[in-house]
Amino acid sequence: MKPASTVTNPVASKFDVVKKTMRKILRWITFLVILFLVVFIYWKYFYTYSEGYRAGLLQKFSRKGTIFKTYEGELILSSVSGRKDIVIASEKFLFSVTNKSLAAKLDTLQGLDVIVHYHQKNGALPWKGDTPYLVDSVKAR
């Protein structure tokens, strides 16, 4: 009896090498795309771009939204006042609030001068509010 000879197919082995290489490249591309998406989502919605204080008249505060109900406010920042505190030039500061107890406090301060502390994000998630400005504290002036 003749021993069985091992026959290797050079075309099949080249195809296997190419297939393994393509799988490896595809895995790396998939990993890099997922990594890019994670970094982008963090930067866009969770990274704090700036934070600070704004002072002005709390003109409006409400709970609104079609699917996600959020607390939204409007602060009038007066840059120039006339006589008897009449605002001549003003700018609006629109903000969102995620904390319910802070929202209740802001609701009672409408029409008063307040100072708010905010964090500005690069984008707004629908369930966190309409604006990238998230207020986390308030105090009356």
Protein backbone atom coordinates (compact mmCIF):
# COMPACT_ATOMS: atom_id res chain seq x y z
CA MET A 1 0.00 0.00 0.00
CA LYS A 2 1.13 3.46 -0.83
CA PRO A 3 1.10 6.04 1.91
CA ALA A 4 -1.42 8.82 1.41
CA SER A 5 0.32 11.87 0.12
CA THR A 6 -0.62 15.23 1.45
CA VAL A 7 -1.69 17.44 -1.34
CA THR A 8 -1.69 21.16 -0.67
CA ASN A 9 -3.56 23.51 -2.87
CA PRO A 10 -1.53 26.74 -3.28
CA VAL A 11 -4.59 28.69 -4.47
CA ALA A 12 -6.61 27.69 -1.41
CA SER A 13 -3.82 28.60 1.00
CA LYS A 14 -3.38 32.04 -0.61
CA PHE A 15 -7.12 32.58 -0.36
CA ASP A 16 -7.04 31.63 3.36
CA VAL A 17 -4.22 34.09 4.01
CA VAL A 18 -6.09 36.89 2.22
CA LYS A 19 -9.28 36.00 4.09
CA LYS A 20 -7.52 36.12 7.48
CA THR A 21 -5.88 39.43 6.59
CA MET A 22 -9.19 40.95 5.50
CA ARG A 23 -10.88 39.78 8.72
CA LYS A 24 -8.09 41.36 10.75
CA ILE A 25 -8.38 44.64 8.84
CA LEU A 26 -12.17 44.61 9.19
CA ARG A 27 -11.89 44.04 12.96
CA TRP A 28 -9.50 46.99 13.28
CA ILE A 29 -11.76 49.25 11.21
CA THR A 30 -14.78 48.22 13.30
CA PHE A 31 -12.85 48.87 16.52
CA LEU A 32 -11.72 52.31 15.32
CA VAL A 33 -15.23 53.29 14.19
CA ILE A 34 -16.70 52.27 17.57
CA LEU A 35 -13.91 54.11 19.41
CA PHE A 36 -14.51 57.24 17.31
CA LEU A 37 -18.26 57.09 18.01
CA VAL A 38 -17.72 56.72 21.76
CA VAL A 39 -15.29 59.66 21.85
CA PHE A 40 -17.56 61.80 19.66
CA ILE A 41 -20.69 61.11 21.77
CA TYR A 42 -18.77 61.88 24.97
CA TRP A 43 -17.40 65.13 23.51
CA LYS A 44 -20.73 66.22 22.05
CA TYR A 45 -23.09 65.49 24.93
CA PHE A 46 -21.15 64.92 28.17
CA TYR A 47 -17.97 67.03 28.00
CA THR A 48 -18.32 70.40 29.74
CA TYR A 49 -17.21 73.04 27.25
CA SER A 50 -17.54 75.92 29.72
CA GLU A 51 -19.08 76.78 33.04
CA GLY A 52 -19.81 80.00 34.80
CA TYR A 53 -22.39 82.35 36.24
CA ARG A 54 -25.03 84.53 34.62
CA ALA A 55 -27.03 87.21 36.42
CA GLY A 56 -30.26 88.78 35.30
CA LEU A 57 -34.02 88.86 35.48
CA LEU A 58 -35.72 85.46 35.40
CA GLN A 59 -38.38 86.24 32.82
CA LYS A 60 -39.75 82.80 32.02
CA PHE A 61 -39.57 79.29 33.44
CA SER A 62 -41.68 76.37 32.25
CA ARG A 63 -41.90 72.63 31.77
CA LYS A 64 -42.32 71.76 28.12
CA GLY A 65 -41.80 69.10 25.48
CA THR A 66 -43.72 66.72 23.26
CA ILE A 67 -42.07 63.41 24.13
CA PHE A 68 -39.56 64.42 26.81
CA LYS A 69 -40.82 67.00 29.32
CA THR A 70 -37.95 69.27 30.35
CA TYR A 71 -37.62 72.44 32.40
CA GLU A 72 -36.64 75.46 30.31
CA GLY A 73 -35.89 78.99 31.44
CA GLU A 74 -35.17 82.42 30.03
CA LEU A 75 -32.98 84.97 31.77
CA ILE A 76 -32.81 88.60 30.62
CA LEU A 77 -29.22 89.84 30.85
CA SER A 78 -29.33 93.61 30.90
CA SER A 79 -26.24 95.36 29.64
CA VAL A 80 -27.46 98.96 29.82
CA SER A 81 -30.10 100.30 32.20
CA GLY A 82 -31.90 103.61 32.06
CA ARG A 83 -33.46 105.46 34.94
CA LYS A 84 -35.34 103.48 37.58
CA ASP A 85 -33.79 100.18 36.41
CA ILE A 86 -35.48 100.26 33.00
CA VAL A 87 -33.56 97.96 30.69
CA ILE A 88 -32.50 99.64 27.46
CA ALA A 89 -30.34 96.91 25.91
CA SER A 90 -30.73 93.28 26.81
CA GLU A 91 -29.81 89.78 25.77
CA LYS A 92 -31.64 86.52 26.48
CA PHE A 93 -29.94 83.55 28.11
CA LEU A 94 -31.89 80.34 27.45
CA PHE A 95 -31.16 77.41 29.76
CA SER A 96 -32.38 73.98 30.85
CA VAL A 97 -32.71 72.40 34.29
CA THR A 98 -32.57 68.67 35.05
CA ASN A 99 -33.02 68.77 38.85
CA LYS A 100 -36.69 68.85 39.98
CA SER A 101 -36.01 70.57 43.33
CA LEU A 102 -34.02 73.30 41.56
CA ALA A 103 -36.87 73.65 39.04
CA ALA A 104 -39.33 74.18 41.90
CA LYS A 105 -37.06 76.86 43.36
CA LEU A 106 -36.69 78.62 40.00
CA ASP A 107 -40.47 78.52 39.54
CA THR A 108 -40.88 80.65 42.67
CA LEU A 109 -38.21 83.18 41.58
CA GLN A 110 -39.84 84.31 38.31
CA GLY A 111 -39.75 88.09 37.92
CA LEU A 112 -36.78 88.48 40.27
CA ASP A 113 -33.08 89.12 39.72
CA VAL A 114 -31.15 85.89 40.10
CA ILE A 115 -27.65 84.48 39.62
CA VAL A 116 -27.43 81.03 38.06
CA HIS A 117 -24.47 78.67 37.73
CA TYR A 118 -24.39 76.72 34.47
CA HIS A 119 -22.45 74.08 32.54
CA GLN A 120 -22.33 74.42 28.77
CA LYS A 121 -22.21 71.22 26.73
CA ASN A 122 -21.42 70.99 23.01
CA GLY A 123 -24.89 69.62 22.26
CA ALA A 124 -28.22 68.92 23.93
CA LEU A 125 -29.77 65.52 24.53
CA PRO A 126 -33.58 65.58 24.13
CA TRP A 127 -34.24 64.25 27.65
CA LYS A 128 -31.88 66.79 29.25
CA GLY A 129 -33.37 69.92 27.67
CA ASP A 130 -33.53 72.07 24.56
CA THR A 131 -30.38 74.08 25.21
CA PRO A 132 -26.74 73.14 25.80
CA TYR A 133 -26.77 75.29 28.97
CA LEU A 134 -27.60 73.20 32.06
CA VAL A 135 -28.22 75.21 35.24
CA ASP A 136 -27.26 73.46 38.49
CA SER A 137 -27.75 76.20 41.11
CA VAL A 138 -29.54 79.50 41.60
CA LYS A 139 -29.57 82.29 44.14
CA ALA A 140 -31.65 85.44 44.35
CA ARG A 141 -29.91 88.83 44.17
